[in-house]
Amino acid sequence: MTDTTGPADSPLGKPSAYADSYDPGLLFAMPRAAKRAELGIHGTLPFFGMDVWNAYELSWLNPRGKPQVAIATLWVPADTPNMVESKSMKLYLNSLNQTRVDSPEALLDLLQADLSEAFGDAVQIKLLASKDFGKQVIGEFEGLLLDRLEIAVDRYEPDPELLRVAADQAPVEETLVSHLLRSNCPVTNQPDWASVQIRYSGPAIDQEGLLKYLIGFRQHQEFHEHCVERLFMDIQRRCQPGKLMVSARYTRRGGIDINPWRANFPLSGMPANARQARQ
């Protein structure tokens, strides 16, 4: 595994040779702490959650040299000390393409060991075999669509002051959805597209202000996980809901999509890992 340093030291934005043999040293880990400090997060996290990765281009060779394929899903707890830069994940997974592995179970053990080391704590991994591809769940976020609102927008950087509540109204419990979240890679400035779901209970959040705030990420440069945590912290501080969950599903890049969610209240179960239309 590559030593943990900053995004500019990662493979992002640089020509990369694809390894023709297994190489866990390609994984590039980045500590979460620095970006969280920017948000005023120190010590105990004010949320829990997961970063759910889906890797659609996983392939290796069986002992006889026949190619195998599967979809890998990773559940990475939000309290792992590190993130892993996604291009390095792609390069690592591609290093398995010409590698002979005894069985899918042996591959799973290998992935489990390498990725848990990179993230700095245990991660869960599941392989979906090709015979089971038809079982993959397809679905969309449920909730009231913010995008229905006809608004004028002139700010394209996140502005928490746009987040307001109706203090004179009774508290509500609602789920709001938008497909207009776009952020940008902090190294290459390539756009990252996502749908976002916000579940909360508490003072009613002004929906026009919330939609403008979400659109404000359009020229913002930050990794997926950081964007979701910024969303969570800004909404929590400005609107003070009693319960809050923020989920985002980003479109795939390099055969991988990353889908972070953060919450501060007990859930009956983890959010479904349902692939959306744009994914």
C-alpha atoms as a PDB file:
ATOM      1  CA  MET A   1       0.000   0.000   0.000  1.00  0.00           C
ATOM      2  CA  THR A   2       1.226   3.489  -0.868  1.00  0.00           C
ATOM      3  CA  ASP A   3       2.013   5.654   2.161  1.00  0.00           C
ATOM      4  CA  THR A   4      -0.809   7.974   3.186  1.00  0.00           C
ATOM      5  CA  THR A   5      -0.225  11.466   1.827  1.00  0.00           C
ATOM      6  CA  GLY A   6      -2.258  14.110   0.036  1.00  0.00           C
ATOM      7  CA  PRO A   7      -4.464  13.751  -3.066  1.00  0.00           C
ATOM      8  CA  ALA A   8      -1.876  15.496  -5.255  1.00  0.00           C
ATOM      9  CA  ASP A   9       0.482  12.571  -4.580  1.00  0.00           C
ATOM     10  CA  SER A  10      -2.096   9.999  -5.709  1.00  0.00           C
ATOM     11  CA  PRO A  11      -2.341   8.479  -9.233  1.00  0.00           C
ATOM     12  CA  LEU A  12      -5.091  10.996 -10.080  1.00  0.00           C
ATOM     13  CA  GLY A  13      -4.379  13.077 -13.170  1.00  0.00           C
ATOM     14  CA  LYS A  14      -1.188  11.165 -13.997  1.00  0.00           C
ATOM     15  CA  PRO A  15      -0.456   8.628 -16.747  1.00  0.00           C
ATOM     16  CA  SER A  16      -0.707   5.171 -15.242  1.00  0.00           C
ATOM     17  CA  ALA A  17       0.605   1.856 -16.493  1.00  0.00           C
ATOM     18  CA  TYR A  18      -1.731  -1.053 -15.811  1.00  0.00           C
ATOM     19  CA  ALA A  19       0.022  -3.771 -13.817  1.00  0.00           C
ATOM     20  CA  ASP A  20      -0.074  -7.249 -15.344  1.00  0.00           C
ATOM     21  CA  SER A  21       0.291  -8.970 -11.979  1.00  0.00           C
ATOM     22  CA  TYR A  22      -1.211  -8.613  -8.525  1.00  0.00           C
ATOM     23  CA  ASP A  23       0.096  -5.514  -6.709  1.00  0.00           C
ATOM     24  CA  PRO A  24      -1.511  -4.358  -3.431  1.00  0.00           C
ATOM     25  CA  GLY A  25       1.069  -1.563  -3.311  1.00  0.00           C
ATOM     26  CA  LEU A  26      -1.055   0.303  -5.844  1.00  0.00           C
ATOM     27  CA  LEU A  27      -3.650   1.164  -3.188  1.00  0.00           C
ATOM     28  CA  PHE A  28      -3.313   4.816  -2.140  1.00  0.00           C
ATOM     29  CA  ALA A  29      -4.713   5.586   1.311  1.00  0.00           C
ATOM     30  CA  MET A  30      -5.586   9.090   2.510  1.00  0.00           C
ATOM     31  CA  PRO A  31      -6.370   9.986   6.161  1.00  0.00           C
ATOM     32  CA  ARG A  32      -9.875  11.321   6.760  1.00  0.00           C
ATOM     33  CA  ALA A  33      -8.857  13.511   9.708  1.00  0.00           C
ATOM     34  CA  ALA A  34      -7.560  16.569   7.845  1.00  0.00           C
ATOM     35  CA  LYS A  35     -10.752  17.236   5.875  1.00  0.00           C
ATOM     36  CA  ARG A  36     -12.871  16.535   8.933  1.00  0.00           C
ATOM     37  CA  ALA A  37     -10.881  19.093  10.879  1.00  0.00           C
ATOM     38  CA  GLU A  38     -11.922  21.674   8.251  1.00  0.00           C
ATOM     39  CA  LEU A  39     -15.526  20.883   9.191  1.00  0.00           C
ATOM     40  CA  GLY A  40     -14.802  21.230  12.895  1.00  0.00           C
ATOM     41  CA  ILE A  41     -14.940  17.479  13.507  1.00  0.00           C
ATOM     42  CA  HIS A  42     -12.480  16.363  16.180  1.00  0.00           C
ATOM     43  CA  GLY A  43     -12.513  13.255  18.339  1.00  0.00           C
ATOM     44  CA  THR A  44     -15.843  11.430  18.515  1.00  0.00           C
ATOM     45  CA  LEU A  45     -17.701  11.569  15.204  1.00  0.00           C
ATOM     46  CA  PRO A  46     -21.128  13.276  15.239  1.00  0.00           C
ATOM     47  CA  PHE A  47     -22.439  10.598  12.862  1.00  0.00           C
ATOM     48  CA  PHE A  48     -21.999   6.999  11.806  1.00  0.00           C
ATOM     49  CA  GLY A  49     -22.310   5.539   8.334  1.00  0.00           C
ATOM     50  CA  MET A  50     -20.741   3.708   5.432  1.00  0.00           C
ATOM     51  CA  ASP A  51     -19.037   4.317   2.133  1.00  0.00           C
ATOM     52  CA  VAL A  52     -20.497   1.663  -0.163  1.00  0.00           C
ATOM     53  CA  TRP A  53     -18.323   0.870  -3.172  1.00  0.00           C
ATOM     54  CA  ASN A  54     -19.477  -1.166  -6.176  1.00  0.00           C
ATOM     55  CA  ALA A  55     -16.732  -2.383  -8.521  1.00  0.00           C
ATOM     56  CA  TYR A  56     -18.174  -3.659 -11.786  1.00  0.00           C
ATOM     57  CA  GLU A  57     -14.947  -4.607 -13.580  1.00  0.00           C
ATOM     58  CA  LEU A  58     -13.448  -7.221 -11.265  1.00  0.00           C
ATOM     59  CA  SER A  59     -11.745 -10.070 -13.138  1.00  0.00           C
ATOM     60  CA  TRP A  60      -9.099 -12.706 -12.408  1.00  0.00           C
ATOM     61  CA  LEU A  61      -7.943 -16.105 -13.699  1.00  0.00           C
ATOM     62  CA  ASN A  62      -8.881 -19.468 -12.213  1.00  0.00           C
ATOM     63  CA  PRO A  63      -6.119 -22.095 -11.683  1.00  0.00           C
ATOM     64  CA  ARG A  64      -6.517 -23.251 -15.306  1.00  0.00           C
ATOM     65  CA  GLY A  65      -6.134 -19.730 -16.650  1.00  0.00           C
ATOM     66  CA  LYS A  66      -9.787 -19.150 -17.522  1.00  0.00           C
ATOM     67  CA  PRO A  67     -10.976 -15.556 -16.852  1.00  0.00           C
ATOM     68  CA  GLN A  68     -13.555 -15.059 -14.123  1.00  0.00           C
ATOM     69  CA  VAL A  69     -15.717 -11.980 -13.497  1.00  0.00           C
ATOM     70  CA  ALA A  70     -17.753 -10.686 -10.584  1.00  0.00           C
ATOM     71  CA  ILE A  71     -19.131  -7.492  -9.087  1.00  0.00           C
ATOM     72  CA  ALA A  72     -17.484  -6.592  -5.783  1.00  0.00           C
ATOM     73  CA  THR A  73     -19.285  -4.544  -3.130  1.00  0.00           C
ATOM     74  CA  LEU A  74     -17.337  -2.987  -0.262  1.00  0.00           C
ATOM     75  CA  TRP A  75     -18.889  -1.636   2.922  1.00  0.00           C
ATOM     76  CA  VAL A  76     -16.374   0.757   4.469  1.00  0.00           C
ATOM     77  CA  PRO A  77     -17.329   2.144   7.911  1.00  0.00           C
ATOM     78  CA  ALA A  78     -17.165   5.924   8.217  1.00  0.00           C
ATOM     79  CA  ASP A  79     -14.918   5.580  11.267  1.00  0.00           C
ATOM     80  CA  THR A  80     -12.070   3.888   9.391  1.00  0.00           C
ATOM     81  CA  PRO A  81      -9.031   6.186   9.669  1.00  0.00           C
ATOM     82  CA  ASN A  82      -8.399   6.238   5.912  1.00  0.00           C
ATOM     83  CA  MET A  83     -10.128   6.615   2.592  1.00  0.00           C
ATOM     84  CA  VAL A  84      -8.696   4.993  -0.531  1.00  0.00           C
ATOM     85  CA  GLU A  85      -8.336   7.083  -3.677  1.00  0.00           C
ATOM     86  CA  SER A  86     -10.608   5.557  -6.328  1.00  0.00           C
ATOM     87  CA  LYS A  87      -8.169   5.492  -9.247  1.00  0.00           C
ATOM     88  CA  SER A  88      -5.702   3.570  -7.101  1.00  0.00           C
ATOM     89  CA  MET A  89      -8.530   1.129  -6.304  1.00  0.00           C
ATOM     90  CA  LYS A  90      -9.145   0.693 -10.022  1.00  0.00           C
ATOM     91  CA  LEU A  91      -5.440   0.069 -10.685  1.00  0.00           C
ATOM     92  CA  TYR A  92      -5.274  -2.421  -7.806  1.00  0.00           C
ATOM     93  CA  LEU A  93      -8.318  -4.360  -8.992  1.00  0.00           C
ATOM     94  CA  ASN A  94      -6.985  -4.389 -12.544  1.00  0.00           C
ATOM     95  CA  SER A  95      -3.714  -5.870 -11.272  1.00  0.00           C
ATOM     96  CA  LEU A  96      -5.717  -9.042 -10.612  1.00  0.00           C
ATOM     97  CA  ASN A  97      -6.776  -9.441 -14.253  1.00  0.00           C
ATOM     98  CA  GLN A  98      -3.913 -11.816 -15.161  1.00  0.00           C
ATOM     99  CA  THR A  99      -3.483 -13.304 -11.696  1.00  0.00           C
ATOM    100  CA  ARG A 100      -4.413 -16.934 -11.029  1.00  0.00           C
ATOM    101  CA  VAL A 101      -6.428 -17.391  -7.857  1.00  0.00           C
ATOM    102  CA  ASP A 102      -7.429 -20.768  -6.433  1.00  0.00           C
ATOM    103  CA  SER A 103     -11.102 -19.910  -5.858  1.00  0.00           C
ATOM    104  CA  PRO A 104     -13.551 -17.037  -5.407  1.00  0.00           C
ATOM    105  CA  GLU A 105     -13.245 -17.626  -1.661  1.00  0.00           C
ATOM    106  CA  ALA A 106      -9.467 -17.186  -1.859  1.00  0.00           C
ATOM    107  CA  LEU A 107      -9.949 -13.985  -3.846  1.00  0.00           C
ATOM    108  CA  LEU A 108     -12.374 -12.688  -1.227  1.00  0.00           C
ATOM    109  CA  ASP A 109      -9.838 -13.385   1.521  1.00  0.00           C
ATOM    110  CA  LEU A 110      -7.149 -11.553  -0.473  1.00  0.00           C
ATOM    111  CA  LEU A 111      -9.347  -8.512  -1.063  1.00  0.00           C
ATOM    112  CA  GLN A 112     -10.425  -8.501   2.569  1.00  0.00           C
ATOM    113  CA  ALA A 113      -6.834  -8.449   3.823  1.00  0.00           C
ATOM    114  CA  ASP A 114      -5.522  -5.839   1.369  1.00  0.00           C
ATOM    115  CA  LEU A 115      -8.427  -3.429   1.622  1.00  0.00           C
ATOM    116  CA  SER A 116      -8.784  -3.652   5.395  1.00  0.00           C
ATOM    117  CA  GLU A 117      -5.109  -2.722   5.659  1.00  0.00           C
ATOM    118  CA  ALA A 118      -5.532   0.200   3.257  1.00  0.00           C
ATOM    119  CA  PHE A 119      -8.609   1.612   4.999  1.00  0.00           C
ATOM    120  CA  GLY A 120      -6.988   1.050   8.382  1.00  0.00           C
ATOM    121  CA  ASP A 121      -9.724  -1.192   9.792  1.00  0.00           C
ATOM    122  CA  ALA A 122     -11.928  -4.105   8.799  1.00  0.00           C
ATOM    123  CA  VAL A 123     -14.179  -3.681   5.762  1.00  0.00           C
ATOM    124  CA  GLN A 124     -16.900  -6.017   4.530  1.00  0.00           C
ATOM    125  CA  ILE A 125     -16.728  -7.363   0.983  1.00  0.00           C
ATOM    126  CA  LYS A 126     -19.159  -9.419  -1.071  1.00  0.00           C
ATOM    127  CA  LEU A 127     -18.695 -10.863  -4.558  1.00  0.00           C
ATOM    128  CA  LEU A 128     -21.656 -11.214  -6.895  1.00  0.00           C
ATOM    129  CA  ALA A 129     -20.902 -14.034  -9.337  1.00  0.00           C
ATOM    130  CA  SER A 130     -21.848 -13.712 -13.000  1.00  0.00           C
ATOM    131  CA  LYS A 131     -24.569 -16.358 -12.621  1.00  0.00           C
ATOM    132  CA  ASP A 132     -26.250 -14.033 -10.103  1.00  0.00           C
ATOM    133  CA  PHE A 133     -26.002 -10.752 -12.034  1.00  0.00           C
ATOM    134  CA  GLY A 134     -29.755 -10.806 -12.599  1.00  0.00           C
ATOM    135  CA  LYS A 135     -30.283 -10.511  -8.838  1.00  0.00           C
ATOM    136  CA  GLN A 136     -28.746  -7.044  -8.671  1.00  0.00           C
ATOM    137  CA  VAL A 137     -31.261  -4.578  -7.292  1.00  0.00           C
ATOM    138  CA  ILE A 138     -32.214  -1.516  -9.348  1.00  0.00           C
ATOM    139  CA  GLY A 139     -34.047   1.362  -7.699  1.00  0.00           C
ATOM    140  CA  GLU A 140     -34.248   5.075  -6.980  1.00  0.00           C
ATOM    141  CA  PHE A 141     -34.304   7.165  -3.825  1.00  0.00           C
ATOM    142  CA  GLU A 142     -37.752   7.654  -2.333  1.00  0.00           C
ATOM    143  CA  GLY A 143     -38.826  11.081  -1.138  1.00  0.00           C
ATOM    144  CA  LEU A 144     -40.165  14.467  -2.196  1.00  0.00           C
ATOM    145  CA  LEU A 145     -38.264  15.702  -5.259  1.00  0.00           C
ATOM    146  CA  LEU A 146     -36.673  19.107  -4.689  1.00  0.00           C
ATOM    147  CA  ASP A 147     -35.918  19.443  -8.404  1.00  0.00           C
ATOM    148  CA  ARG A 148     -39.579  20.264  -9.061  1.00  0.00           C
ATOM    149  CA  LEU A 149     -38.985  23.778  -7.671  1.00  0.00           C
ATOM    150  CA  GLU A 150     -38.541  26.612 -10.177  1.00  0.00           C
ATOM    151  CA  ILE A 151     -35.722  28.656  -8.718  1.00  0.00           C
ATOM    152  CA  ALA A 152     -33.139  31.169  -9.881  1.00  0.00           C
ATOM    153  CA  VAL A 153     -29.547  30.212  -9.081  1.00  0.00           C
ATOM    154  CA  ASP A 154     -26.439  32.396  -9.207  1.00  0.00           C
ATOM    155  CA  ARG A 155     -24.119  30.751  -6.657  1.00  0.00           C
ATOM    156  CA  TYR A 156     -22.159  27.603  -7.478  1.00  0.00           C
ATOM    157  CA  GLU A 157     -20.107  27.125  -4.319  1.00  0.00           C
ATOM    158  CA  PRO A 158     -21.653  25.700  -1.110  1.00  0.00           C
ATOM    159  CA  ASP A 159     -23.209  28.476   0.964  1.00  0.00           C
ATOM    160  CA  PRO A 160     -24.552  27.208   4.309  1.00  0.00           C
ATOM    161  CA  GLU A 161     -26.370  30.511   4.859  1.00  0.00           C
ATOM    162  CA  LEU A 162     -28.899  29.336   2.262  1.00  0.00           C
ATOM    163  CA  LEU A 163     -30.042  26.699   4.755  1.00  0.00           C
ATOM    164  CA  ARG A 164     -32.982  28.001   6.758  1.00  0.00           C
ATOM    165  CA  VAL A 165     -35.895  26.576   8.738  1.00  0.00           C
ATOM    166  CA  ALA A 166     -39.474  27.671   9.338  1.00  0.00           C
ATOM    167  CA  ALA A 167     -39.210  28.176  13.088  1.00  0.00           C
ATOM    168  CA  ASP A 168     -42.879  29.188  13.360  1.00  0.00           C
ATOM    169  CA  GLN A 169     -44.139  25.861  11.945  1.00  0.00           C
ATOM    170  CA  ALA A 170     -44.662  22.531  13.670  1.00  0.00           C
ATOM    171  CA  PRO A 171     -41.740  20.093  13.452  1.00  0.00           C
ATOM    172  CA  VAL A 172     -41.853  17.688  10.525  1.00  0.00           C
ATOM    173  CA  GLU A 173     -40.441  14.338   9.534  1.00  0.00           C
ATOM    174  CA  GLU A 174     -39.708  14.137   5.830  1.00  0.00           C
ATOM    175  CA  THR A 175     -37.427  12.779   3.134  1.00  0.00           C
ATOM    176  CA  LEU A 176     -36.142  15.066   0.381  1.00  0.00           C
ATOM    177  CA  VAL A 177     -34.402  14.010  -2.835  1.00  0.00           C
ATOM    178  CA  SER A 178     -32.431  15.780  -5.555  1.00  0.00           C
ATOM    179  CA  HIS A 179     -30.623  14.572  -8.666  1.00  0.00           C
ATOM    180  CA  LEU A 180     -28.837  17.908  -9.141  1.00  0.00           C
ATOM    181  CA  LEU A 181     -25.797  17.322  -6.950  1.00  0.00           C
ATOM    182  CA  ARG A 182     -22.556  17.770  -8.852  1.00  0.00           C
ATOM    183  CA  SER A 183     -19.123  18.161  -7.313  1.00  0.00           C
ATOM    184  CA  ASN A 184     -15.651  17.950  -8.793  1.00  0.00           C
ATOM    185  CA  CYS A 185     -12.494  15.933  -8.242  1.00  0.00           C
ATOM    186  CA  PRO A 186     -10.068  18.009  -6.133  1.00  0.00           C
ATOM    187  CA  VAL A 187      -7.126  16.985  -8.345  1.00  0.00           C
ATOM    188  CA  THR A 188      -8.408  16.689 -11.929  1.00  0.00           C
ATOM    189  CA  ASN A 189     -11.543  18.891 -11.592  1.00  0.00           C
ATOM    190  CA  GLN A 190     -13.518  16.211 -13.454  1.00  0.00           C
ATOM    191  CA  PRO A 191     -17.233  16.370 -12.596  1.00  0.00           C
ATOM    192  CA  ASP A 192     -18.804  13.865 -10.214  1.00  0.00           C
ATOM    193  CA  TRP A 193     -22.562  13.431 -10.586  1.00  0.00           C
ATOM    194  CA  ALA A 194     -24.857  12.209  -7.826  1.00  0.00           C
ATOM    195  CA  SER A 195     -28.359  11.874  -6.457  1.00  0.00           C
ATOM    196  CA  VAL A 196     -28.822  12.783  -2.806  1.00  0.00           C
ATOM    197  CA  GLN A 197     -31.438  11.866  -0.210  1.00  0.00           C
ATOM    198  CA  ILE A 198     -31.919  13.813   3.030  1.00  0.00           C
ATOM    199  CA  ARG A 199     -34.036  12.277   5.801  1.00  0.00           C
ATOM    200  CA  TYR A 200     -34.668  14.372   8.875  1.00  0.00           C
ATOM    201  CA  SER A 201     -37.046  15.231  11.672  1.00  0.00           C
ATOM    202  CA  GLY A 202     -37.223  18.651  13.280  1.00  0.00           C
ATOM    203  CA  PRO A 203     -37.932  22.220  12.153  1.00  0.00           C
ATOM    204  CA  ALA A 204     -39.091  22.271   8.520  1.00  0.00           C
ATOM    205  CA  ILE A 205     -36.160  23.030   6.220  1.00  0.00           C
ATOM    206  CA  ASP A 206     -36.784  25.664   3.562  1.00  0.00           C
ATOM    207  CA  GLN A 207     -36.785  23.573   0.390  1.00  0.00           C
ATOM    208  CA  GLU A 208     -35.794  26.311  -2.055  1.00  0.00           C
ATOM    209  CA  GLY A 209     -32.819  27.248   0.094  1.00  0.00           C
ATOM    210  CA  LEU A 210     -31.810  23.595   0.421  1.00  0.00           C
ATOM    211  CA  LEU A 211     -31.961  23.045  -3.329  1.00  0.00           C
ATOM    212  CA  LYS A 212     -29.871  26.161  -3.966  1.00  0.00           C
ATOM    213  CA  TYR A 213     -27.374  24.940  -1.391  1.00  0.00           C
ATOM    214  CA  LEU A 214     -27.105  21.531  -3.102  1.00  0.00           C
ATOM    215  CA  ILE A 215     -26.653  23.137  -6.519  1.00  0.00           C
ATOM    216  CA  GLY A 216     -23.912  25.229  -4.913  1.00  0.00           C
ATOM    217  CA  PHE A 217     -21.608  22.189  -4.973  1.00  0.00           C
ATOM    218  CA  ARG A 218     -21.490  22.467  -8.772  1.00  0.00           C
ATOM    219  CA  GLN A 219     -18.048  24.113  -8.801  1.00  0.00           C
ATOM    220  CA  HIS A 220     -16.874  22.701  -5.483  1.00  0.00           C
ATOM    221  CA  GLN A 221     -13.809  20.440  -5.428  1.00  0.00           C
ATOM    222  CA  GLU A 222     -13.963  17.610  -2.906  1.00  0.00           C
ATOM    223  CA  PHE A 223     -14.112  13.815  -2.800  1.00  0.00           C
ATOM    224  CA  HIS A 224     -17.517  12.109  -2.539  1.00  0.00           C
ATOM    225  CA  GLU A 225     -17.111  11.158   1.116  1.00  0.00           C
ATOM    226  CA  HIS A 226     -16.098  14.685   2.109  1.00  0.00           C
ATOM    227  CA  CYS A 227     -19.034  16.227   0.227  1.00  0.00           C
ATOM    228  CA  VAL A 228     -21.542  14.073   2.077  1.00  0.00           C
ATOM    229  CA  GLU A 229     -19.974  14.925   5.424  1.00  0.00           C
ATOM    230  CA  ARG A 230     -20.015  18.625   4.544  1.00  0.00           C
ATOM    231  CA  LEU A 231     -23.705  18.317   3.644  1.00  0.00           C
ATOM    232  CA  PHE A 232     -24.423  16.578   6.922  1.00  0.00           C
ATOM    233  CA  MET A 233     -22.530  19.053   9.083  1.00  0.00           C
ATOM    234  CA  ASP A 234     -23.924  22.168   7.377  1.00  0.00           C
ATOM    235  CA  ILE A 235     -27.517  20.947   7.636  1.00  0.00           C
ATOM    236  CA  GLN A 236     -27.034  19.840  11.240  1.00  0.00           C
ATOM    237  CA  ARG A 237     -25.549  23.170  12.322  1.00  0.00           C
ATOM    238  CA  ARG A 238     -27.843  25.480  10.391  1.00  0.00           C
ATOM    239  CA  CYS A 239     -31.149  23.583  10.717  1.00  0.00           C
ATOM    240  CA  GLN A 240     -30.605  21.599  13.930  1.00  0.00           C
ATOM    241  CA  PRO A 241     -32.804  18.597  13.096  1.00  0.00           C
ATOM    242  CA  GLY A 242     -33.322  16.052  15.851  1.00  0.00           C
ATOM    243  CA  LYS A 243     -32.552  13.257  13.395  1.00  0.00           C
ATOM    244  CA  LEU A 244     -30.594  13.491  10.169  1.00  0.00           C
ATOM    245  CA  MET A 245     -29.357  11.130   7.476  1.00  0.00           C
ATOM    246  CA  VAL A 246     -27.646  12.184   4.242  1.00  0.00           C
ATOM    247  CA  SER A 247     -27.103   9.616   1.481  1.00  0.00           C
ATOM    248  CA  ALA A 248     -25.557  10.133  -1.945  1.00  0.00           C
ATOM    249  CA  ARG A 249     -25.176   7.788  -4.885  1.00  0.00           C
ATOM    250  CA  TYR A 250     -22.512   8.895  -7.344  1.00  0.00           C
ATOM    251  CA  THR A 251     -22.283   7.751 -10.935  1.00  0.00           C
ATOM    252  CA  ARG A 252     -19.465   5.356 -11.674  1.00  0.00           C
ATOM    253  CA  ARG A 253     -16.008   6.274 -12.867  1.00  0.00           C
ATOM    254  CA  GLY A 254     -13.451   3.696 -13.959  1.00  0.00           C
ATOM    255  CA  GLY A 255     -16.008   0.947 -13.379  1.00  0.00           C
ATOM    256  CA  ILE A 256     -16.532   1.954  -9.734  1.00  0.00           C
ATOM    257  CA  ASP A 257     -19.263   3.903  -7.956  1.00  0.00           C
ATOM    258  CA  ILE A 258     -18.975   5.203  -4.380  1.00  0.00           C
ATOM    259  CA  ASN A 259     -22.073   5.811  -2.293  1.00  0.00           C
ATOM    260  CA  PRO A 260     -21.545   7.414   1.142  1.00  0.00           C
ATOM    261  CA  TRP A 261     -24.230   7.823   3.785  1.00  0.00           C
ATOM    262  CA  ARG A 262     -24.077   9.427   7.233  1.00  0.00           C
ATOM    263  CA  ALA A 263     -26.703   9.369  10.017  1.00  0.00           C
ATOM    264  CA  ASN A 264     -27.050  10.325  13.682  1.00  0.00           C
ATOM    265  CA  PHE A 265     -29.985   8.123  14.709  1.00  0.00           C
ATOM    266  CA  PRO A 266     -30.568   4.348  14.889  1.00  0.00           C
ATOM    267  CA  LEU A 267     -31.673   2.774  11.628  1.00  0.00           C
ATOM    268  CA  SER A 268     -33.802  -0.337  11.192  1.00  0.00           C
ATOM    269  CA  GLY A 269     -31.263  -1.461   8.589  1.00  0.00           C
ATOM    270  CA  MET A 270     -28.606  -0.094   6.294  1.00  0.00           C
ATOM    271  CA  PRO A 271     -29.862   1.843   3.241  1.00  0.00           C
ATOM    272  CA  ALA A 272     -30.373  -0.476   0.287  1.00  0.00           C
ATOM    273  CA  ASN A 273     -27.475  -0.712  -2.134  1.00  0.00           C
ATOM    274  CA  ALA A 274     -29.806  -0.294  -5.109  1.00  0.00           C
ATOM    275  CA  ARG A 275     -28.159   0.773  -8.353  1.00  0.00           C
ATOM    276  CA  GLN A 276     -29.868   3.831  -9.794  1.00  0.00           C
ATOM    277  CA  ALA A 277     -30.681   4.617 -13.410  1.00  0.00           C
ATOM    278  CA  ARG A 278     -27.635   6.868 -13.849  1.00  0.00           C
ATOM    279  CA  GLN A 279     -25.294   4.321 -12.300  1.00  0.00           C
END
